[in-house]
Every structure is written in structure tokens, then in C-alpha cells.
């Protein structure tokens, strides 16, 4: 089953695959989402090449705050994918159903921290599967039958869902 996905960005050694001033382990989720989408489609890709492509599209504060929101979509369009998106949680499941894969972006908050995250999403018969979702992921993560419910259950906010389909 393993197609060389990156399941947890924190597993990337801090000295490898630097994203601007930080390590990909800290701020690489944007390029990792693109890499995992390409991997889902069986498209061979080099992690450093994908990192460089995403980084070329304006990393926020030289990578200190990760990738610009639209960078993953722009890179995938250059690779021949159709990309649509919504910021409305009520429409996310509709877009997810109409597309083969997606990238989910959301803000999260704990008592002491605020952050944002990108992760690749695959539509399956059982629901949605995420890649590189949590800081302790060891494989694909089940999101259940609804992207909106997944976001609501975890109290993630400020979300954007990018529906992705390989251009025919």
C-alpha cells in the first residue's frame, strides 16, 4: 500500500529539505500536501523539486509561516491538474465529492498556540483519508464521511478546501 507518502512531516530530519529559514518538519506542510497528491496519482516526484516549486510561489516570511495559501493550487495547476476551491464549510463536501482528491487547509488553536496546516485528502468509498494530518500520524488518517464534520469535530476554523482532479 505504501507509495512513499509523507505521513508525518515531523519525521523529516530537521537538517533535510529546508523550507526557507525553517525545517520542513516545522513549516513544510504546503509542499508535502502537493507531494502527497502527486503520489496519490502515481506521479513520480522528487521531494526537493516539489519543495522548490512551492517555495518559488512566495513562502510566507521566507518560510517562517509556511506556504502562501494558493501556492499548492498553483503548483498542481502547473502539473496539469484542475483545481477549484471553497472557503464555505457547507460546500466542502460537495466539492470533495466532485473531485478525486483535495487539499484541506485549516487554522487550529490550542490554549497556548495558533497555527495553520495543509494536508492531502483522498476520496474513498468509506469516506475521506488524510495524509500528514497530525503531528503524530504514522499512516493515512480517516476523516470519516464528511470534511465539514471533521473540521467541526476538531474545532478547526478558517478552512479552505481545494478540489483536485487530473486534467484529462
Protein backbone atom coordinates (compact mmCIF):
# COMPACT_ATOMS: atom_id res chain seq x y z
CA UNK A 1 0.00 0.00 0.00
CA UNK A 2 2.83 2.42 0.79
CA UNK A 3 3.58 4.63 -2.20
CA UNK A 4 6.22 6.69 -0.34
CA UNK A 5 3.77 9.14 1.18
CA UNK A 6 4.94 11.57 3.80
CA UNK A 7 2.61 10.70 6.66
CA UNK A 8 4.13 12.98 9.27
CA UNK A 9 6.28 15.97 8.43
CA UNK A 10 7.93 15.82 11.86
CA UNK A 11 9.63 12.60 10.72
CA UNK A 12 11.73 14.60 8.24
CA UNK A 13 15.14 15.27 9.83
CA UNK A 14 15.49 18.96 10.64
CA UNK A 15 18.65 19.33 8.52
CA UNK A 16 16.99 17.86 5.40
CA UNK A 17 14.55 19.54 3.00
CA UNK A 18 14.84 23.02 4.50
CA UNK A 19 11.86 25.29 3.79
CA UNK A 20 13.22 28.81 3.86
CA UNK A 21 14.62 29.59 7.30
CA UNK A 22 12.93 26.59 8.93
CA UNK A 23 12.87 22.87 8.52
CA UNK A 24 10.11 21.12 6.61
CA UNK A 25 9.36 19.36 9.89
CA UNK A 26 8.19 22.75 11.18
CA UNK A 27 6.69 24.55 8.17
CA UNK A 28 6.68 22.16 5.19
CA UNK A 29 3.03 21.09 5.13
CA UNK A 30 2.22 23.04 1.94
CA UNK A 31 4.80 21.32 -0.25
CA UNK A 32 4.13 18.00 1.48
CA UNK A 33 0.43 18.23 0.55
CA UNK A 34 1.42 18.71 -3.12
CA UNK A 35 3.92 15.84 -2.91
CA UNK A 36 1.27 13.53 -1.40
CA UNK A 37 -1.28 14.47 -4.09
CA UNK A 38 1.22 13.63 -6.83
CA UNK A 39 1.99 10.38 -5.02
CA UNK A 40 -1.74 9.53 -4.87
CA UNK A 41 -1.83 9.82 -8.66
CA UNK A 42 1.26 7.64 -9.03
CA UNK A 43 3.29 10.51 -10.45
CA UNK A 44 6.97 10.08 -9.57
CA UNK A 45 8.35 13.21 -7.97
CA UNK A 46 11.37 14.34 -6.04
CA UNK A 47 10.57 15.93 -2.67
CA UNK A 48 13.24 18.63 -3.15
CA UNK A 49 11.82 19.55 -6.57
CA UNK A 50 8.29 19.94 -5.18
CA UNK A 51 9.59 21.92 -2.19
CA UNK A 52 11.40 24.27 -4.59
CA UNK A 53 8.29 24.70 -6.75
CA UNK A 54 6.11 25.64 -3.78
CA UNK A 55 8.82 27.84 -2.28
CA UNK A 56 9.05 29.76 -5.57
CA UNK A 57 5.45 30.93 -5.02
CA UNK A 58 6.09 33.36 -2.18
CA UNK A 59 6.70 31.45 1.05
CA UNK A 60 5.31 33.50 3.92
CA UNK A 61 8.17 35.38 5.62
CA UNK A 62 10.77 33.17 3.90
CA UNK A 63 9.13 30.04 5.25
CA UNK A 64 8.76 31.21 8.85
CA UNK A 65 4.99 30.93 8.48
CA UNK A 66 4.85 28.21 5.83
CA UNK A 67 3.42 28.47 2.33
CA UNK A 68 1.21 31.09 0.78
CA UNK A 69 -2.39 29.78 0.76
CA UNK A 70 -2.62 29.47 -3.04
CA UNK A 71 0.86 28.02 -3.69
CA UNK A 72 -0.16 24.33 -3.61
CA UNK A 73 -3.02 25.01 -6.06
CA UNK A 74 -0.74 26.95 -8.42
CA UNK A 75 1.87 24.17 -8.43
CA UNK A 76 -0.74 21.49 -9.10
CA UNK A 77 -2.20 23.53 -11.97
CA UNK A 78 1.28 23.74 -13.50
CA UNK A 79 1.42 19.93 -13.21
CA UNK A 80 -1.79 19.57 -15.25
CA UNK A 81 -4.46 19.40 -12.54
CA UNK A 82 -7.81 21.15 -12.39
CA UNK A 83 -8.23 22.89 -9.04
CA UNK A 84 -11.33 24.52 -7.57
CA UNK A 85 -11.82 25.69 -4.01
CA UNK A 86 -14.25 26.94 -1.42
CA UNK A 87 -13.97 28.67 1.93
CA UNK A 88 -17.52 27.67 2.91
CA UNK A 89 -17.59 24.58 5.11
CA UNK A 90 -21.11 23.84 3.88
CA UNK A 91 -19.79 23.42 0.30
CA UNK A 92 -16.63 21.44 1.10
CA UNK A 93 -18.30 18.02 0.98
CA UNK A 94 -19.92 18.88 -2.35
CA UNK A 95 -16.58 19.87 -3.87
CA UNK A 96 -14.87 16.86 -2.29
CA UNK A 97 -17.45 14.54 -3.88
CA UNK A 98 -16.92 16.10 -7.31
CA UNK A 99 -13.13 15.71 -7.25
CA UNK A 100 -10.81 12.74 -6.93
CA UNK A 101 -8.53 14.29 -4.32
CA UNK A 102 -8.09 17.53 -2.45
CA UNK A 103 -6.01 19.65 -0.17
CA UNK A 104 -7.50 20.82 3.09
CA UNK A 105 -6.15 23.97 4.72
CA UNK A 106 -7.28 24.97 8.19
CA UNK A 107 -6.35 27.01 11.22
CA UNK A 108 -6.04 25.29 14.60
CA UNK A 109 -5.73 26.62 18.13
CA UNK A 110 -4.72 25.19 21.47
CA UNK A 111 -4.56 27.05 24.78
CA UNK A 112 -1.04 28.26 24.01
CA UNK A 113 -0.60 28.03 20.24
CA UNK A 114 -2.19 29.11 17.00
CA UNK A 115 -1.23 27.56 13.68
CA UNK A 116 -2.34 26.52 10.23
CA UNK A 117 -1.92 23.32 8.26
CA UNK A 118 -2.25 21.84 4.76
CA UNK A 119 -2.92 18.14 4.19
CA UNK A 120 -3.70 15.98 1.17
CA UNK A 121 -7.12 14.30 1.08
CA UNK A 122 -8.26 11.24 -0.84
CA UNK A 123 -11.89 10.36 -1.53
CA UNK A 124 -12.64 6.66 -0.89
CA UNK A 125 -15.78 4.53 -0.70
CA UNK A 126 -15.56 4.64 3.11
CA UNK A 127 -15.10 8.42 3.33
CA UNK A 128 -12.10 10.69 3.26
CA UNK A 129 -8.49 9.85 4.07
CA UNK A 130 -5.92 12.47 5.02
CA UNK A 131 -2.15 12.39 4.67
CA UNK A 132 0.14 14.29 7.07
CA UNK A 133 -2.84 15.33 9.20
CA UNK A 134 -1.48 15.18 12.74
CA UNK A 135 1.89 15.69 14.39
CA UNK A 136 1.92 12.01 15.34
CA UNK A 137 0.45 10.40 12.18
CA UNK A 138 2.02 7.09 11.19
CA UNK A 139 -0.17 6.36 8.17
CA UNK A 140 -3.33 7.57 6.43
CA UNK A 141 -5.85 9.23 8.78
CA UNK A 142 -9.60 8.62 8.47
CA UNK A 143 -11.64 11.83 8.32
CA UNK A 144 -14.93 9.96 8.15
CA UNK A 145 -17.72 10.65 5.66
CA UNK A 146 -17.65 14.48 5.85
CA UNK A 147 -14.91 17.11 5.58
CA UNK A 148 -17.17 19.63 7.35
CA UNK A 149 -17.82 17.24 10.25
CA UNK A 150 -14.08 16.51 10.51
CA UNK A 151 -13.35 20.25 10.82
CA UNK A 152 -16.21 20.88 13.26
CA UNK A 153 -15.34 17.93 15.49
CA UNK A 154 -11.78 19.18 15.95
CA UNK A 155 -12.80 22.85 16.12
CA UNK A 156 -10.55 23.72 13.16
CA UNK A 157 -11.51 27.04 11.60
CA UNK A 158 -10.72 29.38 8.72
CA UNK A 159 -10.67 26.39 6.39
CA UNK A 160 -10.27 26.17 2.62
CA UNK A 161 -10.87 23.01 0.60
CA UNK A 162 -9.16 22.65 -2.77
CA UNK A 163 -10.80 20.03 -5.00
CA UNK A 164 -8.21 18.45 -7.33
CA UNK A 165 -8.66 16.35 -10.45
CA UNK A 166 -6.06 15.31 -13.01
CA UNK A 167 -6.76 17.17 -16.26
CA UNK A 168 -7.78 14.65 -18.92
